[in-house]
Amino acid sequence: MKSFTVSEVIDSLGVNKFTWSVFFFLGMAMVFDGYDYMVVSYTMPQISAEWGLDKIQTGSLSSWSLFGLIIGGALAGIISDKIGRRKTLIYSIAAYSLLTIPIYFVQSFEWFAFFRVLTGVGLGACIPVVTTIFSETTPTNRRALFITFGMAWMIVGWVLGGLIPTLLVPLYGWRICYLIGGLPFLYAIFLHFRMHETAHWLANNGQKLEAVKVLQHIEKTAAGRVTEWDPNALIVPPKSKIVGPKALFSKDYRVATAGVWITYFCGCFIVYGINAWLPSLMLEKGLKLSSAYGLAIANNAAAVIANCSTGFVAEIVGRRKNLIFSYFIGGAAILIMTFVPSNFAAILAANIFMGFAINYAITAVQPLMAESYPTEFRNTGVSWCQAFGRLGGALAPIVAGIIMTMNLGPQMSFLFYIIPAVIGGLAAYVFVKRETKGKSLDQLAQEHVSIIL
């Protein structure tokens, strides 16, 4: 039998029933992840009022989980590259769901912060491994599409994180929202019995027979047949001499790392900062609670459309062009939101456009995270990039809180986000050098080895 690669088999089967099953399995994980993260923004005013918090403390309510995300992302990348994508995903979902439940009982700001950091560790481990699994299980010509669609599931969770508190908080108080956040533990049990490890990870770790079995499962699900591939004929790209976190900063990868890290940091700073404070800012402008929450929900609903769109465009024009223009469009959207007239219809329209633009930009980075690194440290690359980005997301609500204490008005609370938008666009132009559109993961790995040699 002639030699073959994992990518060749997956590409030959195209988008199929297995692809869609992975899409929904991972999608639900992201919905739960998105809810458990975003629920803080929609319970922030009630928590602040109950405990008498100042502006900076209130802003930090959204930041504590992000500090956990940084820790979880940094650890999970290394762990996933060693023990596999499947186990890491299951353990992370179980962790963040179980650690959300105690928040129902906390009676102080300090205990809330403690459990949100721990919850964030699980949340931070989940998101990058989902990106990595999408990249390793989808056909080359649809890879960016599925990665960005996967992020759209998280925004669905963000929307639910707004809808559920809007419905339940007036009736039962803010605590019930965190009790609901423990339900994903049941989903972790479900995934334990239904999910497979990726063939790329198995093959790269010397488990060629197991990799072939996964490929046969995919083929049977997709086409109803099973090919008897010879595991010895499975070609695996040469491994990098340096692996783990230090590989990200080696001379072969440091430029790519700078590109995805800076752009994602800027994107997280904008998205998480605006999401954390949008309901409170709208209340400051004199809107009713339901209207303020409605705008925030509309912002996140627009983000779902953005995440579904950016993958299509990336497959047409390429990752680099898509990323560069997305940040400058995001900056323009922020300008419009800053100077929009003070009537609800105009604010709603500007808010929807801003929600679309800023989330389009941050999602445009996602395919490049997975495509910039080889299998042996791909999830380390994805997770460390996302951890660094979450640092921007953690700092943004606090910085915004500081700006708000200066009493410069709601306009300045939006306008300062222009700075990270411009920096993100420039970083994409300067550091993102390699176009990955239309190239399989095995091809990208082989090309990089050839460049080094």
Protein backbone atom coordinates (compact mmCIF):
# COMPACT_ATOMS: atom_id res chain seq x y z
CA MET A 1 0.00 0.00 0.00
CA LYS A 2 1.30 3.45 -0.89
CA SER A 3 2.20 5.89 1.85
CA PHE A 4 -0.31 8.42 3.16
CA THR A 5 -0.69 11.19 5.74
CA VAL A 6 -3.45 11.93 8.22
CA SER A 7 -4.29 15.13 6.35
CA GLU A 8 -4.65 13.30 3.03
CA VAL A 9 -7.20 10.88 4.48
CA ILE A 10 -9.20 13.62 6.20
CA ASP A 11 -9.13 15.81 3.08
CA SER A 12 -10.23 12.92 0.83
CA LEU A 13 -13.38 12.45 2.92
CA GLY A 14 -14.32 16.12 2.87
CA VAL A 15 -16.87 17.58 5.27
CA ASN A 16 -18.96 14.66 6.49
CA LYS A 17 -21.06 13.32 9.36
CA PHE A 18 -17.98 12.92 11.56
CA THR A 19 -16.95 16.54 10.91
CA TRP A 20 -20.37 17.76 11.96
CA SER A 21 -20.48 15.53 15.03
CA VAL A 22 -17.17 17.02 16.19
CA PHE A 23 -18.55 20.45 15.39
CA PHE A 24 -21.52 19.93 17.70
CA PHE A 25 -19.54 18.14 20.43
CA LEU A 26 -17.02 20.97 20.62
CA GLY A 27 -19.70 23.58 20.04
CA MET A 28 -21.64 22.61 23.13
CA ALA A 29 -18.43 22.70 25.16
CA MET A 30 -17.92 26.28 23.99
CA VAL A 31 -21.53 27.25 24.75
CA PHE A 32 -21.09 26.13 28.36
CA ASP A 33 -17.68 27.83 28.51
CA GLY A 34 -19.11 31.08 27.15
CA TYR A 35 -21.99 31.09 29.62
CA ASP A 36 -19.78 30.42 32.64
CA TYR A 37 -17.50 33.27 31.64
CA MET A 38 -20.04 35.90 30.56
CA VAL A 39 -22.53 35.44 33.40
CA VAL A 40 -20.39 37.75 35.55
CA SER A 41 -20.98 40.78 33.31
CA TYR A 42 -24.74 40.42 33.69
CA THR A 43 -24.70 39.87 37.46
CA MET A 44 -22.05 42.54 38.11
CA PRO A 45 -24.46 45.38 39.07
CA GLN A 46 -26.32 43.20 41.59
CA ILE A 47 -23.12 41.81 43.14
CA SER A 48 -21.65 45.30 43.36
CA ALA A 49 -24.77 46.65 45.06
CA GLU A 50 -24.99 43.75 47.54
CA TRP A 51 -21.38 44.05 48.67
CA GLY A 52 -20.94 47.83 48.27
CA LEU A 53 -18.07 47.61 45.75
CA ASP A 54 -16.35 50.62 44.18
CA LYS A 55 -15.78 51.00 40.41
CA ILE A 56 -12.39 49.29 40.35
CA GLN A 57 -13.60 46.34 42.45
CA THR A 58 -16.68 46.05 40.25
CA GLY A 59 -14.54 46.01 37.11
CA SER A 60 -12.33 43.33 38.62
CA LEU A 61 -15.31 40.96 39.00
CA SER A 62 -14.91 40.14 35.31
CA SER A 63 -11.14 39.98 35.54
CA TRP A 64 -10.64 37.28 38.16
CA SER A 65 -11.72 34.45 35.86
CA LEU A 66 -9.44 35.84 33.17
CA PHE A 67 -6.44 35.54 35.47
CA GLY A 68 -7.46 31.91 35.89
CA LEU A 69 -7.77 31.60 32.11
CA ILE A 70 -4.15 32.70 31.79
CA ILE A 71 -3.01 29.99 34.21
CA GLY A 72 -5.26 27.33 32.72
CA GLY A 73 -4.25 28.12 29.18
CA ALA A 74 -0.54 28.06 29.96
CA LEU A 75 -0.79 24.69 31.73
CA ALA A 76 -3.33 23.01 29.45
CA GLY A 77 -1.32 23.57 26.28
CA ILE A 78 1.62 21.65 27.67
CA ILE A 79 -0.65 18.99 29.19
CA SER A 80 -2.68 18.53 25.99
CA ASP A 81 0.44 18.05 23.88
CA LYS A 82 1.48 15.32 26.32
CA ILE A 83 -1.72 13.46 27.32
CA GLY A 84 -3.92 14.28 24.34
CA ARG A 85 -6.67 16.66 23.27
CA ARG A 86 -9.60 14.49 24.40
CA LYS A 87 -8.59 14.08 28.05
CA THR A 88 -7.65 17.74 28.39
CA LEU A 89 -11.02 18.89 27.07
CA ILE A 90 -13.00 16.57 29.36
CA TYR A 91 -11.01 17.45 32.47
CA SER A 92 -11.27 21.19 31.78
CA ILE A 93 -15.07 21.12 31.38
CA ALA A 94 -15.44 19.11 34.58
CA ALA A 95 -13.19 21.56 36.42
CA TYR A 96 -14.85 24.82 35.45
CA SER A 97 -18.38 23.49 35.99
CA LEU A 98 -17.74 22.02 39.43
CA LEU A 99 -15.86 25.13 40.57
CA THR A 100 -18.70 27.43 39.51
CA ILE A 101 -21.21 25.86 41.92
CA PRO A 102 -19.58 27.15 45.19
CA ILE A 103 -20.12 30.75 44.01
CA TYR A 104 -23.81 30.23 44.78
CA PHE A 105 -22.86 30.14 48.47
CA VAL A 106 -20.13 32.82 48.77
CA GLN A 107 -20.77 35.83 51.00
CA SER A 108 -17.84 38.12 50.18
CA PHE A 109 -15.92 39.73 47.35
CA GLU A 110 -12.75 37.85 48.34
CA TRP A 111 -14.34 34.37 48.12
CA PHE A 112 -16.01 35.28 44.85
CA ALA A 113 -12.62 36.29 43.43
CA PHE A 114 -11.01 33.07 44.72
CA PHE A 115 -13.52 30.76 43.03
CA ARG A 116 -13.59 32.77 39.81
CA VAL A 117 -9.83 32.37 39.47
CA LEU A 118 -10.20 28.60 39.94
CA THR A 119 -13.10 28.48 37.49
CA GLY A 120 -11.00 30.43 35.01
CA VAL A 121 -8.32 27.74 35.06
CA GLY A 122 -10.83 25.27 33.60
CA LEU A 123 -12.25 27.81 31.17
CA GLY A 124 -8.76 28.68 29.97
CA ALA A 125 -7.90 25.04 29.33
CA CYS A 126 -11.07 24.39 27.32
CA ILE A 127 -10.93 27.14 24.68
CA PRO A 128 -7.49 26.49 23.10
CA VAL A 129 -7.92 22.72 22.96
CA VAL A 130 -11.20 23.22 21.07
CA THR A 131 -9.36 25.35 18.49
CA THR A 132 -6.68 22.68 18.19
CA ILE A 133 -9.15 19.81 17.78
CA PHE A 134 -10.99 21.71 15.06
CA SER A 135 -7.73 22.27 13.20
CA GLU A 136 -6.79 18.59 13.43
CA THR A 137 -10.14 17.06 12.46
CA THR A 138 -11.44 19.23 9.61
CA PRO A 139 -10.49 19.19 5.88
CA THR A 140 -7.83 21.68 4.82
CA ASN A 141 -10.14 23.78 2.63
CA ARG A 142 -12.63 24.24 5.49
CA ARG A 143 -10.22 24.50 8.43
CA ALA A 144 -10.51 28.26 9.02
CA LEU A 145 -14.27 28.05 8.58
CA PHE A 146 -14.75 25.44 11.30
CA ILE A 147 -12.28 27.05 13.69
CA THR A 148 -14.09 30.38 13.50
CA PHE A 149 -17.52 28.72 13.57
CA GLY A 150 -16.34 27.03 16.75
CA MET A 151 -15.77 30.42 18.33
CA ALA A 152 -19.33 31.38 17.36
CA TRP A 153 -20.58 28.69 19.74
CA MET A 154 -18.84 30.51 22.58
CA ILE A 155 -20.68 33.70 21.69
CA VAL A 156 -23.95 31.74 21.86
CA GLY A 157 -22.89 30.98 25.43
CA TRP A 158 -22.26 34.69 25.96
CA VAL A 159 -25.79 35.45 24.74
CA LEU A 160 -27.22 32.84 27.12
CA GLY A 161 -25.06 34.40 29.83
CA GLY A 162 -27.10 37.55 29.25
CA LEU A 163 -30.54 36.08 28.62
CA ILE A 164 -30.61 33.78 31.65
CA PRO A 165 -29.67 36.50 34.20
CA THR A 166 -32.10 38.92 32.51
CA LEU A 167 -34.91 36.41 33.09
CA LEU A 168 -33.87 34.94 36.45
CA VAL A 169 -32.09 37.68 38.42
CA PRO A 170 -35.25 39.79 39.00
CA LEU A 171 -37.04 36.66 40.28
CA TYR A 172 -34.37 34.69 42.16
CA GLY A 173 -31.34 36.95 42.54
CA TRP A 174 -27.89 36.65 40.96
CA ARG A 175 -26.74 33.47 42.73
CA ILE A 176 -28.98 31.06 40.79
CA CYS A 177 -27.03 31.89 37.61
CA TYR A 178 -23.89 30.29 39.07
CA LEU A 179 -25.73 27.18 40.19
CA ILE A 180 -26.80 26.71 36.57
CA GLY A 181 -23.13 27.08 35.61
CA GLY A 182 -22.42 23.70 37.22
CA LEU A 183 -24.54 21.74 34.73
CA PRO A 184 -21.72 21.23 32.15
CA PHE A 185 -20.24 18.56 34.43
CA LEU A 186 -22.87 16.20 33.01
CA TYR A 187 -21.62 17.03 29.52
CA ALA A 188 -18.05 16.15 30.50
CA ILE A 189 -19.31 12.67 31.44
CA PHE A 190 -21.05 12.41 28.05
CA LEU A 191 -17.85 13.34 26.17
CA HIS A 192 -15.88 10.74 28.12
CA PHE A 193 -17.90 8.01 26.43
CA ARG A 194 -18.39 9.56 22.98
CA MET A 195 -15.28 11.48 21.96
CA HIS A 196 -12.16 10.19 20.13
CA GLU A 197 -8.58 11.42 20.26
CA THR A 198 -7.33 13.19 17.12
CA ALA A 199 -5.42 11.11 14.57
CA HIS A 200 -2.81 13.87 14.20
CA TRP A 201 -1.91 13.72 17.90
CA LEU A 202 -1.81 9.91 17.96
CA ALA A 203 0.38 9.69 14.87
CA ASN A 204 2.74 12.38 16.11
CA ASN A 205 3.14 10.51 19.41
CA GLY A 206 4.12 7.26 17.72
CA GLN A 207 0.70 5.61 18.06
CA LYS A 208 0.25 4.92 14.35
CA LEU A 209 -2.03 1.91 14.82
CA GLU A 210 -4.39 3.95 17.04
CA ALA A 211 -4.24 6.82 14.54
CA VAL A 212 -5.29 4.48 11.72
CA LYS A 213 -8.18 3.17 13.83
CA VAL A 214 -9.43 6.74 14.31
CA LEU A 215 -9.11 7.37 10.56
CA GLN A 216 -11.08 4.19 9.91
CA HIS A 217 -13.77 5.35 12.33
CA ILE A 218 -13.96 8.67 10.48
CA GLU A 219 -14.19 6.87 7.12
CA LYS A 220 -16.91 4.50 8.34
CA THR A 221 -18.92 7.41 9.73
CA ALA A 222 -18.42 9.44 6.56
CA ALA A 223 -18.72 6.83 3.80
CA GLY A 224 -19.86 3.58 5.40
CA ARG A 225 -16.65 1.76 4.43
CA VAL A 226 -13.35 0.90 6.08
CA THR A 227 -9.98 0.90 4.29
CA GLU A 228 -7.27 -1.38 5.67
CA TRP A 229 -4.48 1.18 5.83
CA ASP A 230 -1.05 -0.07 6.84
CA PRO A 231 0.09 1.87 9.94
CA ASN A 232 3.69 1.53 8.74
CA ALA A 233 2.77 3.45 5.58
CA LEU A 234 1.53 6.42 7.59
CA ILE A 235 3.89 9.36 7.05
CA VAL A 236 4.44 11.72 9.98
CA PRO A 237 6.29 15.04 9.41
CA PRO A 238 9.70 15.28 11.11
CA LYS A 239 9.47 16.61 14.65
CA SER A 240 10.99 19.90 15.73
CA LYS A 241 14.15 19.67 17.79
CA ILE A 242 12.73 22.15 20.28
CA VAL A 243 9.24 21.62 21.71
CA GLY A 244 7.11 23.10 24.46
CA PRO A 245 6.89 26.79 25.41
CA LYS A 246 10.52 27.53 24.54
CA ALA A 247 9.84 26.52 20.93
CA LEU A 248 7.42 29.42 20.60
CA PHE A 249 10.28 31.87 21.11
CA SER A 250 12.90 30.03 19.06
CA LYS A 251 14.28 31.80 15.99
CA ASP A 252 12.06 29.67 13.74
CA TYR A 253 8.77 30.68 15.37
CA ARG A 254 9.29 33.96 17.25
CA VAL A 255 7.97 36.18 14.43
CA ALA A 256 4.81 34.08 14.05
CA THR A 257 4.42 34.11 17.83
CA ALA A 258 4.71 37.91 17.92
CA GLY A 259 2.04 38.20 15.22
CA VAL A 260 -0.63 36.05 16.84
CA TRP A 261 0.17 37.10 20.41
CA ILE A 262 -0.02 40.87 19.85
CA THR A 263 -3.09 40.76 17.63
CA TYR A 264 -4.94 38.46 20.03
CA PHE A 265 -3.93 40.54 23.06
CA CYS A 266 -5.35 43.65 21.42
CA GLY A 267 -8.51 41.83 20.39
CA CYS A 268 -9.11 40.47 23.89
CA PHE A 269 -8.48 43.88 25.42
CA ILE A 270 -11.18 45.39 23.22
CA VAL A 271 -13.78 42.60 23.37
CA TYR A 272 -13.52 41.72 27.05
CA GLY A 273 -13.22 45.31 28.15
CA ILE A 274 -16.31 46.42 26.25
CA ASN A 275 -18.34 43.34 27.21
CA ALA A 276 -17.55 43.74 30.89
CA TRP A 277 -18.66 47.36 31.10
CA LEU A 278 -21.27 47.74 28.34
CA PRO A 279 -24.35 47.15 30.55
CA SER A 280 -23.01 49.52 33.22
CA LEU A 281 -22.08 52.19 30.64
CA MET A 282 -25.54 52.03 29.11
CA LEU A 283 -27.09 52.42 32.58
CA GLU A 284 -24.89 55.49 33.04
CA LYS A 285 -26.31 56.94 29.83
CA GLY A 286 -29.75 56.71 31.39
CA LEU A 287 -31.10 53.55 29.76
CA LYS A 288 -33.33 51.15 31.68
CA LEU A 289 -31.85 47.90 32.95
CA SER A 290 -33.68 45.84 30.32
CA SER A 291 -32.51 48.18 27.51
CA ALA A 292 -28.91 48.14 28.76
CA TYR A 293 -28.86 44.35 28.92
CA GLY A 294 -30.62 44.20 25.56
CA LEU A 295 -27.80 46.18 23.94
CA ALA A 296 -25.18 43.89 25.43
CA ILE A 297 -27.07 40.82 24.21
CA ALA A 298 -27.41 42.38 20.73
CA ASN A 299 -23.65 43.06 20.77
CA ASN A 300 -22.97 39.38 21.42
CA ALA A 301 -25.56 38.23 18.89
CA ALA A 302 -23.74 40.29 16.26
CA ALA A 303 -20.56 38.54 17.36
CA VAL A 304 -22.07 35.18 16.40
CA ILE A 305 -22.59 36.45 12.85
CA ALA A 306 -19.04 37.83 12.83
CA ASN A 307 -17.54 34.51 13.84
CA CYS A 308 -19.49 32.71 11.14
CA SER A 309 -18.37 35.26 8.52
CA THR A 310 -14.66 35.59 9.18
CA GLY A 311 -13.90 31.97 8.33
CA PHE A 312 -15.57 32.29 4.92
CA VAL A 313 -13.56 35.41 4.10
CA ALA A 314 -10.29 33.87 5.36
CA GLU A 315 -10.76 30.94 2.98
CA ILE A 316 -11.21 33.37 0.07
CA VAL A 317 -8.74 36.23 0.61
CA GLY A 318 -6.30 34.49 2.97
CA ARG A 319 -5.62 34.75 6.68
CA ARG A 320 -3.22 37.70 6.58
CA LYS A 321 -5.33 40.18 4.58
CA ASN A 322 -8.43 39.21 6.52
CA LEU A 323 -6.67 39.89 9.83
CA ILE A 324 -5.13 43.23 8.86
CA PHE A 325 -8.34 44.78 7.56
CA SER A 326 -10.45 43.40 10.39
CA TYR A 327 -8.63 45.44 13.03
CA PHE A 328 -8.92 48.70 11.15
CA ILE A 329 -12.64 48.07 10.54
CA GLY A 330 -12.97 47.32 14.26
CA GLY A 331 -11.36 50.67 15.04
CA ALA A 332 -13.81 52.46 12.76
CA ALA A 333 -16.73 50.73 14.51
CA ILE A 334 -15.45 51.90 17.90
CA LEU A 335 -15.28 55.49 16.59
CA ILE A 336 -18.88 55.29 15.41
CA MET A 337 -20.03 53.95 18.79
CA THR A 338 -18.11 56.72 20.57
CA PHE A 339 -19.86 59.57 18.77
CA VAL A 340 -23.28 58.03 18.08
CA PRO A 341 -26.27 60.31 18.89
CA SER A 342 -28.01 59.66 22.20
CA ASN A 343 -31.12 57.89 20.99
CA PHE A 344 -31.81 54.20 21.41
CA ALA A 345 -32.21 53.32 17.71
CA ALA A 346 -28.86 54.91 16.76
CA ILE A 347 -27.10 53.38 19.75
CA LEU A 348 -28.52 49.95 18.91
CA ALA A 349 -27.35 50.13 15.27
CA ALA A 350 -23.86 51.34 16.23
CA ASN A 351 -23.66 48.72 18.97
CA ILE A 352 -24.55 45.88 16.59
CA PHE A 353 -21.94 47.02 14.07
CA MET A 354 -19.32 47.34 16.81
CA GLY A 355 -20.17 43.88 18.17
CA PHE A 356 -19.77 42.45 14.67
CA ALA A 357 -16.49 44.26 13.88
CA ILE A 358 -14.53 43.71 17.09
CA ASN A 359 -15.46 40.04 17.31
CA TYR A 360 -14.70 39.54 13.62
CA ALA A 361 -11.19 40.86 14.31
CA ILE A 362 -10.44 38.71 17.34
CA THR A 363 -11.78 35.59 15.60
CA ALA A 364 -9.69 36.24 12.49
CA VAL A 365 -6.62 35.42 14.60
CA GLN A 366 -7.88 31.94 15.56
CA PRO A 367 -6.92 29.92 12.44
CA LEU A 368 -3.38 31.32 12.50
CA MET A 369 -2.85 30.15 16.08
CA ALA A 370 -3.21 26.49 15.11
CA GLU A 371 -1.60 26.83 11.68
CA SER A 372 1.55 28.57 12.93
CA TYR A 373 2.88 25.56 14.88
CA PRO A 374 3.45 21.81 14.29
CA THR A 375 1.48 19.06 16.05
CA GLU A 376 4.08 18.38 18.73
CA PHE A 377 3.50 21.79 20.31
CA ARG A 378 0.42 23.06 18.47
CA ASN A 379 -1.82 23.25 21.51
CA THR A 380 0.97 24.80 23.54
CA GLY A 381 1.15 27.49 20.86
CA VAL A 382 -2.60 28.00 20.78
CA SER A 383 -3.06 27.99 24.53
CA TRP A 384 -0.11 30.27 25.34
CA CYS A 385 -1.30 32.74 22.70
CA GLN A 386 -4.78 32.67 24.21
CA ALA A 387 -3.38 32.96 27.73
CA PHE A 388 -1.43 36.07 26.72
CA GLY A 389 -4.55 37.43 25.06
CA ARG A 390 -6.58 36.82 28.21
CA LEU A 391 -4.07 38.98 30.07
CA GLY A 392 -5.28 41.83 27.87
CA GLY A 393 -8.84 40.79 28.59
CA ALA A 394 -8.16 40.73 32.33
CA LEU A 395 -6.54 44.15 32.34
CA ALA A 396 -9.16 45.87 30.18
CA PRO A 397 -12.08 45.98 32.69
CA ILE A 398 -9.74 47.28 35.39
CA VAL A 399 -8.24 49.95 33.08
CA ALA A 400 -11.75 50.89 31.99
CA GLY A 401 -12.79 51.18 35.64
CA ILE A 402 -9.88 53.52 36.30
CA ILE A 403 -10.83 55.69 33.32
CA MET A 404 -14.42 55.82 34.51
CA THR A 405 -13.31 57.05 37.95
CA MET A 406 -11.78 60.07 36.14
CA ASN A 407 -15.31 61.17 35.19
CA LEU A 408 -14.34 61.83 31.56
CA GLY A 409 -17.73 60.66 30.33
CA PRO A 410 -19.00 57.61 28.40
CA GLN A 411 -17.34 58.78 25.17
CA MET A 412 -13.82 58.43 26.56
CA SER A 413 -14.80 55.04 28.00
CA PHE A 414 -15.16 53.86 24.38
CA LEU A 415 -12.59 56.02 22.60
CA PHE A 416 -9.51 54.62 24.33
CA TYR A 417 -10.19 51.22 22.67
CA ILE A 418 -9.00 52.80 19.39
CA ILE A 419 -5.41 52.35 20.62
CA PRO A 420 -5.41 48.51 20.77
CA ALA A 421 -7.35 48.38 17.47
CA VAL A 422 -4.61 50.29 15.64
CA ILE A 423 -1.82 48.32 17.35
CA GLY A 424 -3.52 45.04 16.36
CA GLY A 425 -3.74 46.04 12.71
CA LEU A 426 -0.11 47.16 12.60
CA ALA A 427 1.08 43.96 14.32
CA ALA A 428 -0.78 41.84 11.75
CA TYR A 429 0.87 43.78 8.91
CA VAL A 430 4.39 43.61 10.37
CA PHE A 431 4.58 40.14 11.96
CA VAL A 432 2.14 37.88 10.10
CA LYS A 433 4.35 36.88 7.16
CA ARG A 434 3.23 33.38 6.22
CA GLU A 435 -0.01 32.69 4.34
CA THR A 436 -1.48 29.34 5.40
CA LYS A 437 -4.64 29.31 3.30
CA GLY A 438 -5.21 26.03 1.42
CA LYS A 439 -2.27 24.16 3.01
CA SER A 440 -2.72 21.00 5.10
CA LEU A 441 -1.20 20.76 8.57
CA ASP A 442 1.23 18.12 7.32
CA GLN A 443 2.20 20.35 4.39
CA LEU A 444 2.75 23.33 6.66
CA ALA A 445 4.95 21.25 8.96
CA GLN A 446 6.95 19.90 6.01
CA GLU A 447 7.37 23.38 4.53
CA HIS A 448 8.72 24.71 7.79
CA VAL A 449 11.24 21.89 8.03
CA SER A 450 12.35 22.67 4.46
CA ILE A 451 12.76 26.37 5.28
CA ILE A 452 14.89 25.55 8.32
CA LEU A 453 17.07 23.17 6.32
